[in-house]
Amino acid sequence: MTTEYHNPVMLAECIDGLALKPGGVYVDVTFGGGGHSRAILNAMVPDAKGNAGKLLVFDQDPDARANAAAIDDPRLTFIAANFRNLKRYLRLYGVRQVDGILADLGISSHQIDTPERGFSTRFEADLDMRMNQQGDLTARQVVNSYPEAELHRILGMYGELTNARTAAAALVSGRANQSIQTINDLKDALKRCAPRGKENKYFAQVFQALRIEVNDELKVLEEFLEQTPEVLSPGGRLVVMSYHSLEDRLVKNFINKGKFSGEVEKDLFGNEIKPLHSVTRKPIEASTDEVARNPRARSAKLRIAEKGEEAGKGERRKG
């Protein structure tokens, strides 16, 4: 039985960004409902020798497995793992380099719309927020056991709350009387902190902060990005779609600088040392028509990078 997920955002732009090659090997590290993967499979063609190509897809959410099983295509391989383990699992399947990697970051509409997952402010449910339901850490544990200073850091850094210190103190005060178990408990503990008339946005920021902490999302993204230059073949493409500034900043810096902070390094001749170069000057954003059809597309930013041929030659010389 398949599970309904969101409509793929900027589907045509993602496929164009991958610049598919005949008989190529590709990776979709965020399979979800399989919308992007189906489009990749439909666009793939054999090469002159008849090699049909491959598509390896990653997803740690058990709900995604049924969607992969529903695609009857020998070119597709489903990998039930977090994409922070990209290189390890590709090697396990005998793949060392690929021609393109797609990542559609963030939370899916399916996860938001499943009340018991605890991702949405619209439902009353336990505070869970695990993308991998086999994971140990839940949002409930974060709000009930983290020290006030840690809550302050998370809410400020990941939720970008302007009153993160006040919110952290409110959580600690609230849990002193009774543990915060559910979404409504969390809202009750923070209701005095939310700006009047902007409660929904405020709680969305709180939920974002907790979700990022529970799933270690930014560290996962960093680990994934650091592996992409080695995994991509020369001329291979990296296509990443993000939905908030924290993710987009990491992607932008890695593409433009080869690292997540500081200035790009240069060699003795003044040439920039970075394995990827940006294909587009600015991030691609969804059209007005797409946003009207699919509100999730409103915050999406699509960045495309390519691995240089020279980087590939350097790697071969090292080998």
C-alpha atoms as a PDB file:
ATOM      1  CA  MET A   1       0.000   0.000   0.000  1.00  0.00           C
ATOM      2  CA  THR A   2       1.488   3.327  -1.040  1.00  0.00           C
ATOM      3  CA  THR A   3       1.388   6.448   1.102  1.00  0.00           C
ATOM      4  CA  GLU A   4       0.475   9.850  -0.308  1.00  0.00           C
ATOM      5  CA  TYR A   5       3.246  12.436  -0.067  1.00  0.00           C
ATOM      6  CA  HIS A   6       3.462  16.027  -1.252  1.00  0.00           C
ATOM      7  CA  ASN A   7       3.562  17.021  -4.884  1.00  0.00           C
ATOM      8  CA  PRO A   8       7.217  17.312  -5.912  1.00  0.00           C
ATOM      9  CA  VAL A   9       8.382  20.926  -5.855  1.00  0.00           C
ATOM     10  CA  MET A  10      10.053  22.352  -8.982  1.00  0.00           C
ATOM     11  CA  LEU A  11      10.021  18.926 -10.598  1.00  0.00           C
ATOM     12  CA  ALA A  12      11.019  20.045 -14.097  1.00  0.00           C
ATOM     13  CA  GLU A  13      13.764  22.320 -12.734  1.00  0.00           C
ATOM     14  CA  CYS A  14      15.223  19.445 -10.691  1.00  0.00           C
ATOM     15  CA  ILE A  15      15.303  17.068 -13.649  1.00  0.00           C
ATOM     16  CA  ASP A  16      16.834  19.750 -15.891  1.00  0.00           C
ATOM     17  CA  GLY A  17      19.383  20.494 -13.188  1.00  0.00           C
ATOM     18  CA  LEU A  18      20.602  16.888 -13.110  1.00  0.00           C
ATOM     19  CA  ALA A  19      21.442  17.079 -16.855  1.00  0.00           C
ATOM     20  CA  LEU A  20      20.790  13.348 -17.238  1.00  0.00           C
ATOM     21  CA  LYS A  21      23.262  11.376 -19.347  1.00  0.00           C
ATOM     22  CA  PRO A  22      22.363   8.214 -21.293  1.00  0.00           C
ATOM     23  CA  GLY A  23      23.031   5.162 -19.135  1.00  0.00           C
ATOM     24  CA  GLY A  24      23.920   7.349 -16.149  1.00  0.00           C
ATOM     25  CA  VAL A  25      23.891   6.467 -12.454  1.00  0.00           C
ATOM     26  CA  TYR A  26      21.869   8.760 -10.189  1.00  0.00           C
ATOM     27  CA  VAL A  27      20.900   9.106  -6.550  1.00  0.00           C
ATOM     28  CA  ASP A  28      17.779  10.559  -4.932  1.00  0.00           C
ATOM     29  CA  VAL A  29      18.679  10.828  -1.249  1.00  0.00           C
ATOM     30  CA  THR A  30      15.181  11.915  -0.156  1.00  0.00           C
ATOM     31  CA  PHE A  31      12.845   9.431  -1.868  1.00  0.00           C
ATOM     32  CA  GLY A  32       9.644  10.132   0.114  1.00  0.00           C
ATOM     33  CA  GLY A  33       6.680   9.526  -2.159  1.00  0.00           C
ATOM     34  CA  GLY A  34       8.928   8.933  -5.141  1.00  0.00           C
ATOM     35  CA  GLY A  35       7.729  11.877  -7.229  1.00  0.00           C
ATOM     36  CA  HIS A  36      11.193  13.093  -8.196  1.00  0.00           C
ATOM     37  CA  SER A  37      12.458   9.531  -8.621  1.00  0.00           C
ATOM     38  CA  ARG A  38       9.663   8.577 -11.001  1.00  0.00           C
ATOM     39  CA  ALA A  39      10.460  11.631 -13.113  1.00  0.00           C
ATOM     40  CA  ILE A  40      14.156  10.709 -13.182  1.00  0.00           C
ATOM     41  CA  LEU A  41      13.349   7.147 -14.266  1.00  0.00           C
ATOM     42  CA  ASN A  42      11.030   8.437 -16.978  1.00  0.00           C
ATOM     43  CA  ALA A  43      13.751  10.733 -18.312  1.00  0.00           C
ATOM     44  CA  MET A  44      16.599   8.192 -18.213  1.00  0.00           C
ATOM     45  CA  VAL A  45      17.610   6.548 -21.500  1.00  0.00           C
ATOM     46  CA  PRO A  46      20.118   3.785 -22.312  1.00  0.00           C
ATOM     47  CA  ASP A  47      23.548   4.642 -23.636  1.00  0.00           C
ATOM     48  CA  ALA A  48      24.974   3.488 -26.995  1.00  0.00           C
ATOM     49  CA  LYS A  49      26.037   0.156 -25.458  1.00  0.00           C
ATOM     50  CA  GLY A  50      22.566  -0.521 -24.084  1.00  0.00           C
ATOM     51  CA  ASN A  51      23.362   0.255 -20.452  1.00  0.00           C
ATOM     52  CA  ALA A  52      20.006   1.260 -18.951  1.00  0.00           C
ATOM     53  CA  GLY A  53      21.463   3.225 -16.033  1.00  0.00           C
ATOM     54  CA  LYS A  54      20.694   3.083 -12.312  1.00  0.00           C
ATOM     55  CA  LEU A  55      18.788   5.098  -9.734  1.00  0.00           C
ATOM     56  CA  LEU A  56      19.601   4.494  -6.081  1.00  0.00           C
ATOM     57  CA  VAL A  57      17.225   6.100  -3.585  1.00  0.00           C
ATOM     58  CA  PHE A  58      17.596   6.721   0.151  1.00  0.00           C
ATOM     59  CA  ASP A  59      14.913   7.168   2.813  1.00  0.00           C
ATOM     60  CA  GLN A  60      14.988   6.380   6.529  1.00  0.00           C
ATOM     61  CA  ASP A  61      11.189   6.718   6.919  1.00  0.00           C
ATOM     62  CA  PRO A  62       9.535   3.254   6.819  1.00  0.00           C
ATOM     63  CA  ASP A  63       6.472   4.802   5.131  1.00  0.00           C
ATOM     64  CA  ALA A  64       8.596   5.455   2.042  1.00  0.00           C
ATOM     65  CA  ARG A  65       9.490   1.799   1.478  1.00  0.00           C
ATOM     66  CA  ALA A  66       5.993   0.921   0.193  1.00  0.00           C
ATOM     67  CA  ASN A  67       6.214   3.726  -2.357  1.00  0.00           C
ATOM     68  CA  ALA A  68       9.478   2.301  -3.684  1.00  0.00           C
ATOM     69  CA  ALA A  69       8.029  -1.223  -3.821  1.00  0.00           C
ATOM     70  CA  ALA A  70       5.185   0.101  -5.993  1.00  0.00           C
ATOM     71  CA  ILE A  71       7.682   1.161  -8.709  1.00  0.00           C
ATOM     72  CA  ASP A  72       8.324  -1.883 -10.855  1.00  0.00           C
ATOM     73  CA  ASP A  73      11.597  -0.864 -12.458  1.00  0.00           C
ATOM     74  CA  PRO A  74      14.834  -2.904 -12.360  1.00  0.00           C
ATOM     75  CA  ARG A  75      16.871   0.301 -12.534  1.00  0.00           C
ATOM     76  CA  LEU A  76      15.640   1.348  -9.056  1.00  0.00           C
ATOM     77  CA  THR A  77      17.368   0.350  -5.809  1.00  0.00           C
ATOM     78  CA  PHE A  78      15.818   1.425  -2.478  1.00  0.00           C
ATOM     79  CA  ILE A  79      18.194   1.963   0.456  1.00  0.00           C
ATOM     80  CA  ALA A  80      16.555   2.212   3.885  1.00  0.00           C
ATOM     81  CA  ALA A  81      19.111   4.549   5.434  1.00  0.00           C
ATOM     82  CA  ASN A  82      19.864   8.145   6.342  1.00  0.00           C
ATOM     83  CA  PHE A  83      21.672   9.983   3.559  1.00  0.00           C
ATOM     84  CA  ARG A  84      24.431  10.976   5.969  1.00  0.00           C
ATOM     85  CA  ASN A  85      25.717   7.481   5.116  1.00  0.00           C
ATOM     86  CA  LEU A  86      25.705   8.160   1.360  1.00  0.00           C
ATOM     87  CA  LYS A  87      29.197   6.957   0.456  1.00  0.00           C
ATOM     88  CA  ARG A  88      29.080   3.917   2.714  1.00  0.00           C
ATOM     89  CA  TYR A  89      25.869   2.539   1.228  1.00  0.00           C
ATOM     90  CA  LEU A  90      26.795   3.311  -2.359  1.00  0.00           C
ATOM     91  CA  ARG A  91      29.992   1.320  -1.883  1.00  0.00           C
ATOM     92  CA  LEU A  92      27.934  -1.489  -0.326  1.00  0.00           C
ATOM     93  CA  TYR A  93      25.981  -1.628  -3.588  1.00  0.00           C
ATOM     94  CA  GLY A  94      29.134  -1.542  -5.690  1.00  0.00           C
ATOM     95  CA  VAL A  95      28.837   2.104  -6.746  1.00  0.00           C
ATOM     96  CA  ARG A  96      31.805   4.430  -6.310  1.00  0.00           C
ATOM     97  CA  GLN A  97      30.803   7.430  -8.406  1.00  0.00           C
ATOM     98  CA  VAL A  98      27.512   8.719  -9.781  1.00  0.00           C
ATOM     99  CA  ASP A  99      26.474  11.219 -12.430  1.00  0.00           C
ATOM    100  CA  GLY A 100      24.013  13.182 -10.294  1.00  0.00           C
ATOM    101  CA  ILE A 101      22.587  13.537  -6.797  1.00  0.00           C
ATOM    102  CA  LEU A 102      19.213  15.030  -5.869  1.00  0.00           C
ATOM    103  CA  ALA A 103      18.225  16.133  -2.352  1.00  0.00           C
ATOM    104  CA  ASP A 104      14.801  17.572  -1.499  1.00  0.00           C
ATOM    105  CA  LEU A 105      15.396  18.584   2.108  1.00  0.00           C
ATOM    106  CA  GLY A 106      13.047  19.148   5.020  1.00  0.00           C
ATOM    107  CA  ILE A 107       9.858  17.507   6.110  1.00  0.00           C
ATOM    108  CA  SER A 108       7.278  16.003   3.771  1.00  0.00           C
ATOM    109  CA  SER A 109       3.594  16.881   3.688  1.00  0.00           C
ATOM    110  CA  HIS A 110       2.861  13.243   4.550  1.00  0.00           C
ATOM    111  CA  GLN A 111       4.861  13.514   7.764  1.00  0.00           C
ATOM    112  CA  ILE A 112       3.168  16.802   8.652  1.00  0.00           C
ATOM    113  CA  ASP A 113      -0.295  15.402   7.915  1.00  0.00           C
ATOM    114  CA  THR A 114       0.201  12.249  10.017  1.00  0.00           C
ATOM    115  CA  PRO A 115      -0.964  13.409  13.484  1.00  0.00           C
ATOM    116  CA  GLU A 116       0.795  10.721  15.527  1.00  0.00           C
ATOM    117  CA  ARG A 117       4.206  11.763  14.162  1.00  0.00           C
ATOM    118  CA  GLY A 118       3.904  14.998  16.171  1.00  0.00           C
ATOM    119  CA  PHE A 119       5.286  17.270  13.429  1.00  0.00           C
ATOM    120  CA  SER A 120       2.310  19.597  13.048  1.00  0.00           C
ATOM    121  CA  THR A 121       0.922  22.322  15.280  1.00  0.00           C
ATOM    122  CA  ARG A 122      -2.542  21.564  13.852  1.00  0.00           C
ATOM    123  CA  PHE A 123      -3.053  18.296  15.725  1.00  0.00           C
ATOM    124  CA  GLU A 124      -3.002  17.114  19.322  1.00  0.00           C
ATOM    125  CA  ALA A 125      -0.475  14.301  19.638  1.00  0.00           C
ATOM    126  CA  ASP A 126       2.555  13.170  21.586  1.00  0.00           C
ATOM    127  CA  LEU A 127       5.705  15.226  21.026  1.00  0.00           C
ATOM    128  CA  ASP A 128       7.641  12.876  18.770  1.00  0.00           C
ATOM    129  CA  MET A 129       9.090  14.484  15.580  1.00  0.00           C
ATOM    130  CA  ARG A 130      11.370  11.573  14.668  1.00  0.00           C
ATOM    131  CA  MET A 131      11.863  11.148  10.928  1.00  0.00           C
ATOM    132  CA  ASN A 132      13.324   7.728  11.670  1.00  0.00           C
ATOM    133  CA  GLN A 133      10.902   6.146  14.090  1.00  0.00           C
ATOM    134  CA  GLN A 134      13.636   3.802  15.263  1.00  0.00           C
ATOM    135  CA  GLY A 135      15.578   6.787  16.617  1.00  0.00           C
ATOM    136  CA  ASP A 136      16.034   7.240  20.366  1.00  0.00           C
ATOM    137  CA  LEU A 137      15.572  10.995  20.819  1.00  0.00           C
ATOM    138  CA  THR A 138      12.078  12.552  20.701  1.00  0.00           C
ATOM    139  CA  ALA A 139      10.876  16.134  21.027  1.00  0.00           C
ATOM    140  CA  ARG A 140       9.285  15.172  24.341  1.00  0.00           C
ATOM    141  CA  GLN A 141      12.693  14.235  25.721  1.00  0.00           C
ATOM    142  CA  VAL A 142      14.225  17.475  24.471  1.00  0.00           C
ATOM    143  CA  VAL A 143      11.682  19.780  26.137  1.00  0.00           C
ATOM    144  CA  ASN A 144      11.617  17.798  29.398  1.00  0.00           C
ATOM    145  CA  SER A 145      15.272  16.950  29.938  1.00  0.00           C
ATOM    146  CA  TYR A 146      17.479  19.543  28.239  1.00  0.00           C
ATOM    147  CA  PRO A 147      19.010  22.220  30.479  1.00  0.00           C
ATOM    148  CA  GLU A 148      17.626  25.724  30.064  1.00  0.00           C
ATOM    149  CA  ALA A 149      20.820  26.934  28.372  1.00  0.00           C
ATOM    150  CA  GLU A 150      20.554  24.184  25.751  1.00  0.00           C
ATOM    151  CA  LEU A 151      16.888  24.973  25.086  1.00  0.00           C
ATOM    152  CA  HIS A 152      17.864  28.631  24.678  1.00  0.00           C
ATOM    153  CA  ARG A 153      20.537  27.675  22.143  1.00  0.00           C
ATOM    154  CA  ILE A 154      18.241  25.394  20.127  1.00  0.00           C
ATOM    155  CA  LEU A 155      15.312  27.804  20.014  1.00  0.00           C
ATOM    156  CA  GLY A 156      17.552  30.707  19.071  1.00  0.00           C
ATOM    157  CA  MET A 157      19.787  28.962  16.571  1.00  0.00           C
ATOM    158  CA  TYR A 158      17.388  26.510  14.923  1.00  0.00           C
ATOM    159  CA  GLY A 159      14.087  28.307  15.443  1.00  0.00           C
ATOM    160  CA  GLU A 160      15.501  31.814  15.117  1.00  0.00           C
ATOM    161  CA  LEU A 161      13.226  33.024  17.918  1.00  0.00           C
ATOM    162  CA  THR A 162      13.935  36.574  19.026  1.00  0.00           C
ATOM    163  CA  ASN A 163      12.819  35.696  22.569  1.00  0.00           C
ATOM    164  CA  ALA A 164      14.539  32.315  22.768  1.00  0.00           C
ATOM    165  CA  ARG A 165      15.788  32.939  26.314  1.00  0.00           C
ATOM    166  CA  THR A 166      12.292  33.735  27.556  1.00  0.00           C
ATOM    167  CA  ALA A 167      10.847  30.695  25.767  1.00  0.00           C
ATOM    168  CA  ALA A 168      13.471  28.383  27.266  1.00  0.00           C
ATOM    169  CA  ALA A 169      12.708  29.675  30.742  1.00  0.00           C
ATOM    170  CA  ALA A 170       8.980  29.156  30.131  1.00  0.00           C
ATOM    171  CA  LEU A 171       9.554  25.520  29.145  1.00  0.00           C
ATOM    172  CA  VAL A 172      11.648  24.856  32.245  1.00  0.00           C
ATOM    173  CA  SER A 173       9.026  26.541  34.440  1.00  0.00           C
ATOM    174  CA  GLY A 174       6.194  24.643  32.744  1.00  0.00           C
ATOM    175  CA  ARG A 175       7.795  21.209  33.090  1.00  0.00           C
ATOM    176  CA  ALA A 176       8.515  21.825  36.771  1.00  0.00           C
ATOM    177  CA  ASN A 177       4.797  21.495  37.495  1.00  0.00           C
ATOM    178  CA  GLN A 178       4.017  18.692  35.045  1.00  0.00           C
ATOM    179  CA  SER A 179       5.974  17.079  32.227  1.00  0.00           C
ATOM    180  CA  ILE A 180       5.280  18.420  28.738  1.00  0.00           C
ATOM    181  CA  GLN A 181       3.984  15.370  26.860  1.00  0.00           C
ATOM    182  CA  THR A 182       1.834  16.617  24.003  1.00  0.00           C
ATOM    183  CA  ILE A 183       1.623  19.360  21.407  1.00  0.00           C
ATOM    184  CA  ASN A 184      -1.049  21.179  23.418  1.00  0.00           C
ATOM    185  CA  ASP A 185       1.117  20.936  26.550  1.00  0.00           C
ATOM    186  CA  LEU A 186       3.910  22.631  24.608  1.00  0.00           C
ATOM    187  CA  LYS A 187       1.622  25.366  23.333  1.00  0.00           C
ATOM    188  CA  ASP A 188       0.274  25.984  26.837  1.00  0.00           C
ATOM    189  CA  ALA A 189       3.802  26.324  28.223  1.00  0.00           C
ATOM    190  CA  LEU A 190       4.735  28.876  25.535  1.00  0.00           C
ATOM    191  CA  LYS A 191       1.463  30.725  24.929  1.00  0.00           C
ATOM    192  CA  ARG A 192       2.609  33.798  26.851  1.00  0.00           C
ATOM    193  CA  CYS A 193       5.750  33.972  24.692  1.00  0.00           C
ATOM    194  CA  ALA A 194       3.989  33.959  21.303  1.00  0.00           C
ATOM    195  CA  PRO A 195       3.389  37.407  19.759  1.00  0.00           C
ATOM    196  CA  ARG A 196      -0.308  38.227  19.577  1.00  0.00           C
ATOM    197  CA  GLY A 197      -1.680  37.565  16.114  1.00  0.00           C
ATOM    198  CA  LYS A 198       1.464  35.665  15.066  1.00  0.00           C
ATOM    199  CA  GLU A 199       1.005  32.543  17.169  1.00  0.00           C
ATOM    200  CA  ASN A 200       1.008  30.116  14.234  1.00  0.00           C
ATOM    201  CA  LYS A 201       4.296  31.411  12.850  1.00  0.00           C
ATOM    202  CA  TYR A 202       5.837  31.399  16.316  1.00  0.00           C
ATOM    203  CA  PHE A 203       4.904  27.789  17.044  1.00  0.00           C
ATOM    204  CA  ALA A 204       6.081  26.777  13.572  1.00  0.00           C
ATOM    205  CA  GLN A 205       9.508  28.191  14.473  1.00  0.00           C
ATOM    206  CA  VAL A 206       9.486  26.313  17.779  1.00  0.00           C
ATOM    207  CA  PHE A 207       8.580  23.080  15.991  1.00  0.00           C
ATOM    208  CA  GLN A 208      11.304  23.650  13.418  1.00  0.00           C
ATOM    209  CA  ALA A 209      13.873  24.057  16.186  1.00  0.00           C
ATOM    210  CA  LEU A 210      12.806  20.879  17.964  1.00  0.00           C
ATOM    211  CA  ARG A 211      12.605  18.873  14.733  1.00  0.00           C
ATOM    212  CA  ILE A 212      16.111  19.931  13.681  1.00  0.00           C
ATOM    213  CA  GLU A 213      17.473  18.928  17.090  1.00  0.00           C
ATOM    214  CA  VAL A 214      15.662  15.584  17.225  1.00  0.00           C
ATOM    215  CA  ASN A 215      16.815  14.566  13.763  1.00  0.00           C
ATOM    216  CA  ASP A 216      20.255  16.243  13.854  1.00  0.00           C
ATOM    217  CA  GLU A 217      19.281  17.750  10.504  1.00  0.00           C
ATOM    218  CA  LEU A 218      22.007  20.343  10.023  1.00  0.00           C
ATOM    219  CA  LYS A 219      24.817  17.968  10.965  1.00  0.00           C
ATOM    220  CA  VAL A 220      23.313  15.337   8.662  1.00  0.00           C
ATOM    221  CA  LEU A 221      23.262  17.880   5.829  1.00  0.00           C
ATOM    222  CA  GLU A 222      26.887  18.869   6.429  1.00  0.00           C
ATOM    223  CA  GLU A 223      28.040  15.240   6.454  1.00  0.00           C
ATOM    224  CA  PHE A 224      26.108  14.557   3.252  1.00  0.00           C
ATOM    225  CA  LEU A 225      27.470  17.598   1.409  1.00  0.00           C
ATOM    226  CA  GLU A 226      31.057  16.777   2.394  1.00  0.00           C
ATOM    227  CA  GLN A 227      30.730  13.368   0.699  1.00  0.00           C
ATOM    228  CA  THR A 228      29.293  14.630  -2.576  1.00  0.00           C
ATOM    229  CA  PRO A 229      32.558  15.716  -4.281  1.00  0.00           C
ATOM    230  CA  GLU A 230      34.051  12.252  -3.830  1.00  0.00           C
ATOM    231  CA  VAL A 231      30.855  10.457  -4.869  1.00  0.00           C
ATOM    232  CA  LEU A 232      30.204  12.575  -7.973  1.00  0.00           C
ATOM    233  CA  SER A 233      31.988  11.733 -11.201  1.00  0.00           C
ATOM    234  CA  PRO A 234      33.719  14.602 -13.063  1.00  0.00           C
ATOM    235  CA  GLY A 235      30.978  16.716 -14.622  1.00  0.00           C
ATOM    236  CA  GLY A 236      28.394  15.205 -12.242  1.00  0.00           C
ATOM    237  CA  ARG A 237      25.620  17.403 -10.863  1.00  0.00           C
ATOM    238  CA  LEU A 238      24.423  18.107  -7.314  1.00  0.00           C
ATOM    239  CA  VAL A 239      20.840  19.387  -7.079  1.00  0.00           C
ATOM    240  CA  VAL A 240      19.640  20.493  -3.628  1.00  0.00           C
ATOM    241  CA  MET A 241      16.307  22.029  -2.653  1.00  0.00           C
ATOM    242  CA  SER A 242      16.001  23.613   0.794  1.00  0.00           C
ATOM    243  CA  TYR A 243      13.113  25.237   2.624  1.00  0.00           C
ATOM    244  CA  HIS A 244      14.642  27.470   5.279  1.00  0.00           C
ATOM    245  CA  SER A 245      17.641  29.750   5.548  1.00  0.00           C
ATOM    246  CA  LEU A 246      19.679  27.489   7.835  1.00  0.00           C
ATOM    247  CA  GLU A 247      19.777  24.697   5.245  1.00  0.00           C
ATOM    248  CA  ASP A 248      20.199  27.018   2.279  1.00  0.00           C
ATOM    249  CA  ARG A 249      23.135  28.802   3.906  1.00  0.00           C
ATOM    250  CA  LEU A 250      25.009  25.508   4.370  1.00  0.00           C
ATOM    251  CA  VAL A 251      24.341  24.453   0.773  1.00  0.00           C
ATOM    252  CA  LYS A 252      25.305  27.866  -0.630  1.00  0.00           C
ATOM    253  CA  ASN A 253      28.548  28.060   1.363  1.00  0.00           C
ATOM    254  CA  PHE A 254      29.615  24.538   0.478  1.00  0.00           C
ATOM    255  CA  ILE A 255      29.036  25.073  -3.227  1.00  0.00           C
ATOM    256  CA  ASN A 256      30.675  28.509  -3.321  1.00  0.00           C
ATOM    257  CA  LYS A 257      33.515  27.943  -0.841  1.00  0.00           C
ATOM    258  CA  GLY A 258      33.963  24.196  -0.447  1.00  0.00           C
ATOM    259  CA  LYS A 259      33.272  24.584   3.277  1.00  0.00           C
ATOM    260  CA  PHE A 260      30.574  25.886   5.610  1.00  0.00           C
ATOM    261  CA  SER A 261      32.205  29.010   7.012  1.00  0.00           C
ATOM    262  CA  GLY A 262      35.100  31.357   6.364  1.00  0.00           C
ATOM    263  CA  GLU A 263      36.553  32.377   3.044  1.00  0.00           C
ATOM    264  CA  VAL A 264      37.298  30.094   0.130  1.00  0.00           C
ATOM    265  CA  GLU A 265      40.858  28.759   0.170  1.00  0.00           C
ATOM    266  CA  LYS A 266      43.255  29.468  -2.707  1.00  0.00           C
ATOM    267  CA  ASP A 267      46.352  27.766  -4.024  1.00  0.00           C
ATOM    268  CA  LEU A 268      49.745  29.432  -4.553  1.00  0.00           C
ATOM    269  CA  PHE A 269      48.584  30.847  -7.890  1.00  0.00           C
ATOM    270  CA  GLY A 270      45.438  32.411  -6.466  1.00  0.00           C
ATOM    271  CA  ASN A 271      43.090  29.759  -7.866  1.00  0.00           C
ATOM    272  CA  GLU A 272      40.128  28.914  -5.652  1.00  0.00           C
ATOM    273  CA  ILE A 273      40.246  25.437  -4.123  1.00  0.00           C
ATOM    274  CA  LYS A 274      36.738  24.050  -4.217  1.00  0.00           C
ATOM    275  CA  PRO A 275      35.450  20.815  -5.723  1.00  0.00           C
ATOM    276  CA  LEU A 276      32.123  22.139  -7.023  1.00  0.00           C
ATOM    277  CA  HIS A 277      31.032  25.211  -8.924  1.00  0.00           C
ATOM    278  CA  SER A 278      27.587  26.751  -9.042  1.00  0.00           C
ATOM    279  CA  VAL A 279      25.628  26.277 -12.253  1.00  0.00           C
ATOM    280  CA  THR A 280      23.160  29.070 -11.454  1.00  0.00           C
ATOM    281  CA  ARG A 281      24.091  32.554 -10.249  1.00  0.00           C
ATOM    282  CA  LYS A 282      21.174  32.672  -7.828  1.00  0.00           C
ATOM    283  CA  PRO A 283      18.978  29.955  -6.318  1.00  0.00           C
ATOM    284  CA  ILE A 284      16.023  28.969  -8.472  1.00  0.00           C
ATOM    285  CA  GLU A 285      12.605  29.686  -6.955  1.00  0.00           C
ATOM    286  CA  ALA A 286       9.194  28.298  -7.830  1.00  0.00           C
ATOM    287  CA  SER A 287       6.985  30.181 -10.260  1.00  0.00           C
ATOM    288  CA  THR A 288       3.954  32.140  -9.100  1.00  0.00           C
ATOM    289  CA  ASP A 289       1.715  29.518 -10.709  1.00  0.00           C
ATOM    290  CA  GLU A 290       3.410  26.648  -8.875  1.00  0.00           C
ATOM    291  CA  VAL A 291       3.187  28.436  -5.530  1.00  0.00           C
ATOM    292  CA  ALA A 292      -0.541  28.968  -6.143  1.00  0.00           C
ATOM    293  CA  ARG A 293      -0.959  25.234  -6.804  1.00  0.00           C
ATOM    294  CA  ASN A 294       1.425  24.048  -4.089  1.00  0.00           C
ATOM    295  CA  PRO A 295       2.012  26.444  -1.144  1.00  0.00           C
ATOM    296  CA  ARG A 296       4.947  24.308   0.038  1.00  0.00           C
ATOM    297  CA  ALA A 297       6.902  25.635  -2.937  1.00  0.00           C
ATOM    298  CA  ARG A 298       6.816  29.199  -1.591  1.00  0.00           C
ATOM    299  CA  SER A 299       9.910  28.873   0.581  1.00  0.00           C
ATOM    300  CA  ALA A 300      11.864  26.476  -1.667  1.00  0.00           C
ATOM    301  CA  LYS A 301      15.296  27.428  -3.001  1.00  0.00           C
ATOM    302  CA  LEU A 302      16.964  25.190  -5.562  1.00  0.00           C
ATOM    303  CA  ARG A 303      20.740  25.226  -5.979  1.00  0.00           C
ATOM    304  CA  ILE A 304      22.630  23.319  -8.660  1.00  0.00           C
ATOM    305  CA  ALA A 305      26.360  22.604  -8.693  1.00  0.00           C
ATOM    306  CA  GLU A 306      28.709  20.648 -10.916  1.00  0.00           C
ATOM    307  CA  LYS A 307      31.930  18.848 -10.144  1.00  0.00           C
ATOM    308  CA  GLY A 308      34.755  20.182 -12.272  1.00  0.00           C
ATOM    309  CA  GLU A 309      36.686  17.993 -14.680  1.00  0.00           C
ATOM    310  CA  GLU A 310      39.962  19.147 -13.106  1.00  0.00           C
ATOM    311  CA  ALA A 311      38.828  17.872  -9.676  1.00  0.00           C
ATOM    312  CA  GLY A 312      38.252  14.482 -11.236  1.00  0.00           C
ATOM    313  CA  LYS A 313      41.714  14.433 -12.837  1.00  0.00           C
ATOM    314  CA  GLY A 314      43.252  15.327  -9.485  1.00  0.00           C
ATOM    315  CA  GLU A 315      41.467  12.465  -7.788  1.00  0.00           C
ATOM    316  CA  ARG A 316      42.634   9.995 -10.450  1.00  0.00           C
ATOM    317  CA  ARG A 317      46.228  11.171 -10.024  1.00  0.00           C
ATOM    318  CA  LYS A 318      45.976  10.696  -6.255  1.00  0.00           C
ATOM    319  CA  GLY A 319      44.583   7.206  -6.741  1.00  0.00           C
END
